[in-house]
Amino acid sequence: MIARLSLAVLAALLVAGAAQSADAPKLSIASLGKLKTPLPYPYDEHADAMRDVAAAKARAAAEGKLLLIDLGGNWCPDCRILAGTMDLPQLQAFVAAHYVTVMVDVGRLSRNLQIPAHYGMRDRLIGVPAVLIVDPRTDRLIDAGHTFALADARSMNPQALADWLAQWTP
C-alpha cells in the first residue's frame, strides 16, 4: 500500500513538475546554418547596465514575467547565435510572453561583473553567453547552476535553445 501510494505521489509530482513550464514553441528552422545573417550584435558597450537591469526587473515584476539577463559580448559567436535564435519570430513571441530580457555587455569578461556578482557569481565568468533567469519579485536567481548552459550555443540546434529557455517558464 505504501509503495503504491509512493508511486502515486511520485507520478503526481512528475506531472505537476511537467506542468510548471510552458511548452517551447516549435521553431521553423532545424539548424543554426539557417539563421538570418549577419548575426546580430546585441550588446551595447555604452549602456548603463545597472540602470537597464533595474528597469527590466521593475518591468518584469509589474508584468508578472521572469527577468532574463543575457551576459555576453559582440565578439562572442555563441552570444550572437543565441541572439539570432531569439530573433526567430516564434521564439521572439514566446520570450516576450514569458520574459523581460536585458542584454548586458561584459566585454571580454571584464565589464559589468557586478551584475553576476549580485546573483552569487562572485568569481569571474567562466564563459558567455551566461543567461541569468531571475524571479523579479524576490530577486532570486532561478537557474543557479545552469547559467552557463548556453555558453556553447553553436553546438546546439535552435530547438534545443528554445527548449532550454522554456524549461524555466511558469
N, C-alpha and C. Protein backbone atom coordinates (compact mmCIF):
# COMPACT_ATOMS: atom_id res chain seq x y z
N MET A 1 0.83 -1.19 0.00
CA MET A 1 0.00 0.00 0.00
C MET A 1 0.86 1.25 0.00
N ILE A 2 1.88 1.27 0.87
CA ILE A 2 2.77 2.42 0.94
C ILE A 2 3.53 2.56 -0.37
N ALA A 3 3.99 1.45 -0.94
CA ALA A 3 4.71 1.51 -2.21
C ALA A 3 3.81 2.08 -3.30
N ARG A 4 2.53 1.62 -3.35
CA ARG A 4 1.59 2.14 -4.34
C ARG A 4 1.35 3.63 -4.13
N LEU A 5 1.21 4.03 -2.87
CA LEU A 5 0.99 5.42 -2.54
C LEU A 5 2.20 6.26 -2.94
N SER A 6 3.39 5.75 -2.65
CA SER A 6 4.61 6.47 -3.02
C SER A 6 4.72 6.64 -4.52
N LEU A 7 4.39 5.59 -5.28
CA LEU A 7 4.41 5.69 -6.73
C LEU A 7 3.38 6.70 -7.22
N ALA A 8 2.22 6.73 -6.60
CA ALA A 8 1.18 7.68 -6.99
C ALA A 8 1.63 9.11 -6.70
N VAL A 9 2.25 9.31 -5.54
CA VAL A 9 2.76 10.64 -5.19
C VAL A 9 3.86 11.05 -6.16
N LEU A 10 4.77 10.14 -6.46
CA LEU A 10 5.84 10.43 -7.40
C LEU A 10 5.28 10.78 -8.77
N ALA A 11 4.31 10.02 -9.25
CA ALA A 11 3.69 10.31 -10.54
C ALA A 11 3.02 11.67 -10.53
N ALA A 12 2.33 12.00 -9.44
CA ALA A 12 1.68 13.31 -9.34
C ALA A 12 2.70 14.44 -9.34
N LEU A 13 3.82 14.23 -8.65
CA LEU A 13 4.88 15.25 -8.64
C LEU A 13 5.48 15.42 -10.03
N LEU A 14 5.68 14.32 -10.74
CA LEU A 14 6.23 14.42 -12.10
C LEU A 14 5.27 15.17 -13.02
N VAL A 15 3.99 14.87 -12.92
CA VAL A 15 3.01 15.58 -13.74
C VAL A 15 2.98 17.04 -13.36
N ALA A 16 2.99 17.35 -12.06
CA ALA A 16 2.98 18.74 -11.61
C ALA A 16 4.24 19.46 -12.07
N GLY A 17 5.38 18.78 -12.00
CA GLY A 17 6.63 19.39 -12.47
C GLY A 17 6.60 19.67 -13.94
N ALA A 18 6.02 18.76 -14.72
CA ALA A 18 5.93 18.98 -16.16
C ALA A 18 5.01 20.14 -16.47
N ALA A 19 3.98 20.33 -15.64
CA ALA A 19 3.03 21.41 -15.88
C ALA A 19 3.60 22.76 -15.47
N GLN A 20 4.71 22.77 -14.77
CA GLN A 20 5.27 24.02 -14.29
C GLN A 20 5.92 24.83 -15.40
N SER A 21 6.34 24.26 -16.47
CA SER A 21 6.98 25.04 -17.52
C SER A 21 6.12 25.04 -18.78
N ALA A 22 6.20 26.16 -19.48
CA ALA A 22 5.44 26.30 -20.72
C ALA A 22 6.11 25.46 -21.81
N ASP A 23 5.31 25.03 -22.76
CA ASP A 23 5.86 24.30 -23.89
C ASP A 23 6.64 25.26 -24.78
N ALA A 24 7.81 24.83 -25.19
CA ALA A 24 8.61 25.65 -26.10
C ALA A 24 7.92 25.72 -27.45
N PRO A 25 8.04 26.84 -28.13
CA PRO A 25 7.47 26.91 -29.47
C PRO A 25 8.25 26.01 -30.41
N LYS A 26 7.59 25.49 -31.41
CA LYS A 26 8.27 24.69 -32.43
C LYS A 26 8.85 25.67 -33.46
N LEU A 27 10.15 25.64 -33.60
CA LEU A 27 10.82 26.59 -34.47
C LEU A 27 10.79 26.12 -35.92
N SER A 28 10.82 27.08 -36.82
CA SER A 28 10.69 26.77 -38.24
C SER A 28 12.01 26.34 -38.88
N ILE A 29 13.11 26.50 -38.16
CA ILE A 29 14.40 26.07 -38.72
C ILE A 29 15.00 24.99 -37.83
N ALA A 30 15.73 24.09 -38.44
CA ALA A 30 16.29 22.96 -37.69
C ALA A 30 17.78 23.12 -37.40
N SER A 31 18.44 24.01 -38.14
CA SER A 31 19.88 24.15 -37.91
C SER A 31 20.27 25.61 -37.81
N LEU A 32 21.37 25.84 -37.11
CA LEU A 32 21.86 27.21 -36.94
C LEU A 32 22.28 27.83 -38.27
N GLY A 33 22.64 27.00 -39.23
CA GLY A 33 23.04 27.49 -40.55
C GLY A 33 21.91 28.21 -41.28
N LYS A 34 20.68 28.03 -40.81
CA LYS A 34 19.52 28.68 -41.43
C LYS A 34 19.19 30.03 -40.78
N LEU A 35 19.94 30.43 -39.75
CA LEU A 35 19.68 31.71 -39.11
C LEU A 35 19.95 32.85 -40.09
N LYS A 36 19.22 33.92 -39.90
CA LYS A 36 19.41 35.11 -40.72
C LYS A 36 20.81 35.67 -40.46
N THR A 37 21.50 36.02 -41.54
CA THR A 37 22.83 36.60 -41.40
C THR A 37 22.83 38.00 -42.00
N PRO A 38 23.69 38.88 -41.54
CA PRO A 38 24.66 38.63 -40.48
C PRO A 38 23.96 38.49 -39.13
N LEU A 39 24.58 37.74 -38.26
CA LEU A 39 24.05 37.58 -36.92
C LEU A 39 24.08 38.93 -36.21
N PRO A 40 23.15 39.16 -35.28
CA PRO A 40 23.10 40.46 -34.60
C PRO A 40 24.30 40.70 -33.70
N TYR A 41 24.54 41.97 -33.46
CA TYR A 41 25.48 42.44 -32.44
C TYR A 41 24.61 43.00 -31.31
N PRO A 42 24.19 42.15 -30.39
CA PRO A 42 23.11 42.55 -29.47
C PRO A 42 23.51 43.37 -28.24
N TYR A 43 24.80 43.52 -27.98
CA TYR A 43 25.23 44.13 -26.73
C TYR A 43 25.71 45.56 -26.97
N ASP A 44 25.21 46.49 -26.15
CA ASP A 44 25.59 47.89 -26.22
C ASP A 44 26.70 48.14 -25.20
N GLU A 45 27.91 48.38 -25.71
CA GLU A 45 29.06 48.60 -24.83
C GLU A 45 28.92 49.85 -23.97
N HIS A 46 28.09 50.78 -24.41
CA HIS A 46 27.98 52.07 -23.72
C HIS A 46 26.74 52.17 -22.83
N ALA A 47 25.97 51.11 -22.76
CA ALA A 47 24.75 51.12 -21.95
C ALA A 47 25.09 51.19 -20.47
N ASP A 48 24.20 51.76 -19.70
CA ASP A 48 24.30 51.75 -18.24
C ASP A 48 23.64 50.45 -17.78
N ALA A 49 24.43 49.42 -17.64
CA ALA A 49 23.91 48.08 -17.38
C ALA A 49 23.12 48.01 -16.08
N MET A 50 23.59 48.66 -15.04
CA MET A 50 22.87 48.62 -13.76
C MET A 50 21.49 49.26 -13.91
N ARG A 51 21.42 50.38 -14.60
CA ARG A 51 20.13 51.04 -14.82
C ARG A 51 19.22 50.17 -15.67
N ASP A 52 19.78 49.57 -16.73
CA ASP A 52 18.99 48.73 -17.62
C ASP A 52 18.44 47.50 -16.91
N VAL A 53 19.25 46.87 -16.08
CA VAL A 53 18.79 45.70 -15.33
C VAL A 53 17.71 46.10 -14.33
N ALA A 54 17.90 47.21 -13.63
CA ALA A 54 16.90 47.66 -12.66
C ALA A 54 15.57 47.96 -13.36
N ALA A 55 15.62 48.62 -14.51
CA ALA A 55 14.39 48.94 -15.25
C ALA A 55 13.72 47.67 -15.75
N ALA A 56 14.49 46.73 -16.25
CA ALA A 56 13.93 45.47 -16.75
C ALA A 56 13.33 44.66 -15.60
N LYS A 57 13.99 44.68 -14.45
CA LYS A 57 13.47 43.94 -13.29
C LYS A 57 12.14 44.54 -12.84
N ALA A 58 12.04 45.86 -12.80
CA ALA A 58 10.79 46.51 -12.40
C ALA A 58 9.68 46.20 -13.41
N ARG A 59 10.01 46.23 -14.67
CA ARG A 59 9.02 45.92 -15.71
C ARG A 59 8.55 44.47 -15.61
N ALA A 60 9.51 43.54 -15.40
CA ALA A 60 9.17 42.13 -15.27
C ALA A 60 8.25 41.90 -14.08
N ALA A 61 8.54 42.54 -12.96
CA ALA A 61 7.69 42.40 -11.77
C ALA A 61 6.29 42.94 -12.05
N ALA A 62 6.23 44.10 -12.70
CA ALA A 62 4.93 44.71 -12.99
C ALA A 62 4.11 43.86 -13.96
N GLU A 63 4.78 43.19 -14.89
CA GLU A 63 4.08 42.39 -15.91
C GLU A 63 3.91 40.92 -15.51
N GLY A 64 4.43 40.53 -14.36
CA GLY A 64 4.31 39.15 -13.92
C GLY A 64 5.14 38.18 -14.76
N LYS A 65 6.28 38.65 -15.24
CA LYS A 65 7.17 37.83 -16.07
C LYS A 65 8.48 37.58 -15.34
N LEU A 66 9.26 36.69 -15.87
CA LEU A 66 10.61 36.46 -15.37
C LEU A 66 11.56 37.46 -16.02
N LEU A 67 12.67 37.70 -15.36
CA LEU A 67 13.73 38.55 -15.90
C LEU A 67 14.79 37.64 -16.49
N LEU A 68 15.16 37.89 -17.75
CA LEU A 68 16.22 37.15 -18.41
C LEU A 68 17.36 38.13 -18.65
N ILE A 69 18.48 37.90 -17.98
CA ILE A 69 19.67 38.74 -18.16
C ILE A 69 20.65 37.95 -19.00
N ASP A 70 20.93 38.45 -20.18
CA ASP A 70 21.86 37.81 -21.11
C ASP A 70 23.19 38.53 -21.01
N LEU A 71 24.18 37.86 -20.41
CA LEU A 71 25.52 38.42 -20.26
C LEU A 71 26.37 37.93 -21.41
N GLY A 72 26.98 38.86 -22.15
CA GLY A 72 27.79 38.43 -23.27
C GLY A 72 28.56 39.57 -23.90
N GLY A 73 29.08 39.31 -25.07
CA GLY A 73 29.84 40.31 -25.82
C GLY A 73 29.68 40.10 -27.31
N ASN A 74 29.74 41.18 -28.05
CA ASN A 74 29.58 41.10 -29.51
C ASN A 74 30.70 40.33 -30.19
N TRP A 75 31.82 40.11 -29.52
CA TRP A 75 32.94 39.36 -30.06
C TRP A 75 32.68 37.85 -30.03
N CYS A 76 31.66 37.44 -29.26
CA CYS A 76 31.42 36.03 -28.96
C CYS A 76 30.44 35.41 -29.96
N PRO A 77 30.88 34.42 -30.75
CA PRO A 77 29.97 33.79 -31.70
C PRO A 77 28.77 33.11 -31.04
N ASP A 78 28.97 32.49 -29.89
CA ASP A 78 27.86 31.82 -29.20
C ASP A 78 26.81 32.84 -28.75
N CYS A 79 27.25 34.02 -28.32
CA CYS A 79 26.33 35.08 -27.91
C CYS A 79 25.50 35.55 -29.09
N ARG A 80 26.15 35.71 -30.22
CA ARG A 80 25.45 36.19 -31.41
C ARG A 80 24.50 35.13 -31.96
N ILE A 81 24.89 33.86 -31.85
CA ILE A 81 24.00 32.76 -32.27
C ILE A 81 22.76 32.72 -31.37
N LEU A 82 22.96 32.87 -30.06
CA LEU A 82 21.81 32.90 -29.16
C LEU A 82 20.89 34.07 -29.51
N ALA A 83 21.46 35.24 -29.74
CA ALA A 83 20.65 36.41 -30.10
C ALA A 83 19.93 36.19 -31.42
N GLY A 84 20.60 35.59 -32.40
CA GLY A 84 19.97 35.31 -33.68
C GLY A 84 18.84 34.31 -33.55
N THR A 85 19.01 33.33 -32.69
CA THR A 85 17.95 32.34 -32.46
C THR A 85 16.77 33.00 -31.75
N MET A 86 17.06 33.85 -30.78
CA MET A 86 15.99 34.53 -30.06
C MET A 86 15.25 35.52 -30.96
N ASP A 87 15.85 35.91 -32.07
CA ASP A 87 15.19 36.80 -33.04
C ASP A 87 14.23 36.07 -33.97
N LEU A 88 14.24 34.73 -33.95
CA LEU A 88 13.28 33.98 -34.77
C LEU A 88 11.87 34.33 -34.29
N PRO A 89 10.96 34.62 -35.22
CA PRO A 89 9.63 35.09 -34.81
C PRO A 89 8.93 34.22 -33.77
N GLN A 90 8.99 32.89 -33.92
CA GLN A 90 8.30 32.02 -32.96
C GLN A 90 8.91 32.14 -31.57
N LEU A 91 10.24 32.17 -31.51
CA LEU A 91 10.90 32.25 -30.20
C LEU A 91 10.79 33.66 -29.63
N GLN A 92 10.86 34.66 -30.48
CA GLN A 92 10.73 36.04 -30.02
C GLN A 92 9.38 36.25 -29.34
N ALA A 93 8.31 35.73 -29.92
CA ALA A 93 6.98 35.86 -29.32
C ALA A 93 6.91 35.11 -28.00
N PHE A 94 7.48 33.92 -27.94
CA PHE A 94 7.49 33.12 -26.71
C PHE A 94 8.25 33.86 -25.61
N VAL A 95 9.44 34.34 -25.93
CA VAL A 95 10.26 35.05 -24.94
C VAL A 95 9.51 36.29 -24.45
N ALA A 96 8.91 37.05 -25.36
CA ALA A 96 8.18 38.26 -24.97
C ALA A 96 7.00 37.94 -24.06
N ALA A 97 6.40 36.78 -24.23
CA ALA A 97 5.25 36.40 -23.41
C ALA A 97 5.66 35.99 -21.99
N HIS A 98 6.89 35.52 -21.82
CA HIS A 98 7.30 34.96 -20.53
C HIS A 98 8.42 35.72 -19.83
N TYR A 99 9.18 36.51 -20.57
CA TYR A 99 10.36 37.16 -20.01
C TYR A 99 10.40 38.64 -20.37
N VAL A 100 11.07 39.40 -19.52
CA VAL A 100 11.59 40.71 -19.91
C VAL A 100 13.09 40.48 -20.02
N THR A 101 13.62 40.80 -21.18
CA THR A 101 15.02 40.50 -21.47
C THR A 101 15.87 41.75 -21.43
N VAL A 102 17.06 41.62 -20.87
CA VAL A 102 18.03 42.70 -20.89
C VAL A 102 19.38 42.11 -21.29
N MET A 103 20.00 42.77 -22.25
CA MET A 103 21.31 42.33 -22.74
C MET A 103 22.38 43.15 -22.01
N VAL A 104 23.38 42.49 -21.43
CA VAL A 104 24.42 43.17 -20.69
C VAL A 104 25.78 42.82 -21.31
N ASP A 105 26.45 43.85 -21.79
CA ASP A 105 27.78 43.66 -22.35
C ASP A 105 28.79 43.48 -21.23
N VAL A 106 29.50 42.36 -21.23
CA VAL A 106 30.53 42.11 -20.22
C VAL A 106 31.92 42.23 -20.82
N GLY A 107 32.00 42.82 -22.02
CA GLY A 107 33.30 42.96 -22.68
C GLY A 107 33.94 41.60 -22.85
N ARG A 108 35.21 41.57 -22.61
CA ARG A 108 35.93 40.28 -22.65
C ARG A 108 36.05 39.75 -21.22
N LEU A 109 34.86 39.62 -20.61
CA LEU A 109 34.71 39.14 -19.23
C LEU A 109 35.37 40.10 -18.24
N SER A 110 35.26 41.41 -18.52
CA SER A 110 35.92 42.41 -17.69
C SER A 110 35.04 43.61 -17.36
N ARG A 111 33.78 43.61 -17.77
CA ARG A 111 32.92 44.78 -17.60
C ARG A 111 31.57 44.33 -17.02
N ASN A 112 30.99 45.17 -16.21
CA ASN A 112 29.65 44.94 -15.64
C ASN A 112 29.56 43.64 -14.83
N LEU A 113 30.65 43.24 -14.23
CA LEU A 113 30.67 41.99 -13.47
C LEU A 113 29.95 42.09 -12.12
N GLN A 114 29.57 43.31 -11.74
CA GLN A 114 28.78 43.48 -10.52
C GLN A 114 27.40 42.85 -10.67
N ILE A 115 26.93 42.71 -11.89
CA ILE A 115 25.60 42.13 -12.10
C ILE A 115 25.61 40.63 -11.79
N PRO A 116 26.49 39.83 -12.40
CA PRO A 116 26.51 38.42 -11.97
C PRO A 116 26.90 38.26 -10.50
N ALA A 117 27.76 39.15 -9.99
CA ALA A 117 28.15 39.07 -8.58
C ALA A 117 26.94 39.25 -7.67
N HIS A 118 26.02 40.11 -8.06
CA HIS A 118 24.80 40.33 -7.28
C HIS A 118 23.99 39.04 -7.12
N TYR A 119 24.09 38.16 -8.11
CA TYR A 119 23.34 36.91 -8.08
C TYR A 119 24.20 35.73 -7.63
N GLY A 120 25.28 36.02 -6.90
CA GLY A 120 26.07 34.98 -6.28
C GLY A 120 27.22 34.46 -7.13
N MET A 121 27.43 35.05 -8.29
CA MET A 121 28.52 34.61 -9.16
C MET A 121 29.70 35.54 -8.92
N ARG A 122 30.37 35.34 -7.81
CA ARG A 122 31.42 36.26 -7.38
C ARG A 122 32.74 36.05 -8.13
N ASP A 123 32.97 34.85 -8.61
CA ASP A 123 34.19 34.60 -9.38
C ASP A 123 33.99 35.12 -10.79
N ARG A 124 35.07 35.15 -11.53
CA ARG A 124 34.97 35.58 -12.94
C ARG A 124 33.99 34.68 -13.68
N LEU A 125 33.38 35.27 -14.67
CA LEU A 125 32.53 34.46 -15.54
C LEU A 125 33.41 33.40 -16.20
N ILE A 126 32.88 32.20 -16.36
CA ILE A 126 33.68 31.14 -16.99
C ILE A 126 33.37 31.04 -18.48
N GLY A 127 32.41 31.79 -18.95
CA GLY A 127 32.08 31.78 -20.36
C GLY A 127 30.84 32.60 -20.63
N VAL A 128 30.65 32.91 -21.88
CA VAL A 128 29.45 33.63 -22.30
C VAL A 128 28.92 32.97 -23.56
N PRO A 129 27.65 33.05 -23.82
CA PRO A 129 26.71 33.79 -23.02
C PRO A 129 26.42 33.09 -21.70
N ALA A 130 26.19 33.91 -20.70
CA ALA A 130 25.69 33.43 -19.42
C ALA A 130 24.28 33.99 -19.31
N VAL A 131 23.33 33.13 -19.06
CA VAL A 131 21.93 33.55 -19.00
C VAL A 131 21.44 33.40 -17.57
N LEU A 132 21.05 34.53 -17.00
CA LEU A 132 20.52 34.55 -15.64
C LEU A 132 19.01 34.67 -15.72
N ILE A 133 18.31 33.70 -15.18
CA ILE A 133 16.85 33.74 -15.11
C ILE A 133 16.51 34.12 -13.67
N VAL A 134 15.85 35.25 -13.51
CA VAL A 134 15.62 35.83 -12.19
C VAL A 134 14.12 36.00 -11.93
N ASP A 135 13.70 35.66 -10.73
CA ASP A 135 12.35 35.98 -10.28
C ASP A 135 12.40 37.44 -9.83
N PRO A 136 11.77 38.36 -10.55
CA PRO A 136 11.91 39.78 -10.20
C PRO A 136 11.25 40.16 -8.89
N ARG A 137 10.31 39.37 -8.39
CA ARG A 137 9.65 39.68 -7.12
C ARG A 137 10.56 39.43 -5.94
N THR A 138 11.40 38.40 -6.05
CA THR A 138 12.29 38.05 -4.94
C THR A 138 13.74 38.38 -5.24
N ASP A 139 14.03 38.73 -6.48
CA ASP A 139 15.40 38.99 -6.96
C ASP A 139 16.28 37.75 -6.78
N ARG A 140 15.66 36.57 -6.91
CA ARG A 140 16.36 35.30 -6.74
C ARG A 140 16.69 34.69 -8.09
N LEU A 141 17.90 34.19 -8.22
CA LEU A 141 18.34 33.51 -9.43
C LEU A 141 17.68 32.14 -9.48
N ILE A 142 16.90 31.90 -10.53
CA ILE A 142 16.16 30.65 -10.67
C ILE A 142 17.00 29.56 -11.30
N ASP A 143 17.87 29.92 -12.23
CA ASP A 143 18.65 28.91 -12.96
C ASP A 143 20.06 28.72 -12.41
N ALA A 144 20.21 28.91 -11.11
CA ALA A 144 21.52 28.72 -10.47
C ALA A 144 22.07 27.34 -10.84
N GLY A 145 23.33 27.31 -11.19
CA GLY A 145 23.96 26.06 -11.59
C GLY A 145 23.80 25.75 -13.08
N HIS A 146 23.00 26.55 -13.77
CA HIS A 146 22.75 26.33 -15.20
C HIS A 146 23.01 27.58 -16.04
N THR A 147 23.58 28.60 -15.44
CA THR A 147 23.73 29.88 -16.12
C THR A 147 24.66 29.82 -17.33
N PHE A 148 25.54 28.84 -17.38
CA PHE A 148 26.47 28.72 -18.50
C PHE A 148 26.06 27.63 -19.49
N ALA A 149 24.84 27.15 -19.37
CA ALA A 149 24.38 26.05 -20.22
C ALA A 149 24.38 26.40 -21.71
N LEU A 150 24.28 27.69 -22.04
CA LEU A 150 24.24 28.09 -23.45
C LEU A 150 25.57 28.66 -23.92
N ALA A 151 26.62 28.51 -23.12
CA ALA A 151 27.92 29.05 -23.48
C ALA A 151 28.50 28.39 -24.73
N ASP A 152 27.97 27.25 -25.11
CA ASP A 152 28.38 26.59 -26.34
C ASP A 152 27.17 26.48 -27.27
N ALA A 153 26.48 27.61 -27.43
CA ALA A 153 25.24 27.65 -28.22
C ALA A 153 25.45 27.13 -29.64
N ARG A 154 26.63 27.30 -30.18
CA ARG A 154 26.85 26.88 -31.57
C ARG A 154 26.82 25.36 -31.74
N SER A 155 26.89 24.63 -30.63
CA SER A 155 26.82 23.17 -30.73
C SER A 155 25.39 22.66 -30.53
N MET A 156 24.46 23.58 -30.32
CA MET A 156 23.06 23.20 -30.11
C MET A 156 22.27 23.53 -31.38
N ASN A 157 21.10 22.95 -31.50
CA ASN A 157 20.24 23.37 -32.60
C ASN A 157 19.24 24.39 -32.06
N PRO A 158 18.60 25.16 -32.93
CA PRO A 158 17.68 26.20 -32.46
C PRO A 158 16.59 25.67 -31.53
N GLN A 159 16.06 24.49 -31.81
CA GLN A 159 15.00 23.95 -30.96
C GLN A 159 15.52 23.66 -29.55
N ALA A 160 16.74 23.18 -29.44
CA ALA A 160 17.33 22.92 -28.12
C ALA A 160 17.47 24.22 -27.33
N LEU A 161 17.82 25.31 -28.00
CA LEU A 161 17.90 26.60 -27.33
C LEU A 161 16.52 27.04 -26.85
N ALA A 162 15.51 26.86 -27.70
CA ALA A 162 14.13 27.21 -27.32
C ALA A 162 13.67 26.36 -26.15
N ASP A 163 13.96 25.07 -26.18
CA ASP A 163 13.56 24.16 -25.10
C ASP A 163 14.23 24.57 -23.79
N TRP A 164 15.49 24.97 -23.85
CA TRP A 164 16.19 25.39 -22.63
C TRP A 164 15.52 26.61 -22.03
N LEU A 165 15.18 27.58 -22.85
CA LEU A 165 14.52 28.79 -22.35
C LEU A 165 13.13 28.48 -21.78
N ALA A 166 12.43 27.53 -22.40
CA ALA A 166 11.07 27.19 -21.97
C ALA A 166 11.04 26.50 -20.61
N GLN A 167 12.10 25.78 -20.26
CA GLN A 167 12.05 24.99 -19.04
C GLN A 167 11.93 25.84 -17.78
N TRP A 168 12.25 27.12 -17.85
CA TRP A 168 12.20 27.98 -16.66
C TRP A 168 10.88 28.73 -16.53
N THR A 169 10.04 28.65 -17.54
CA THR A 169 8.81 29.45 -17.54
C THR A 169 7.70 28.77 -16.75
N PRO A 170 6.88 29.58 -16.13
CA PRO A 170 5.75 29.01 -15.37
C PRO A 170 4.63 28.57 -16.31
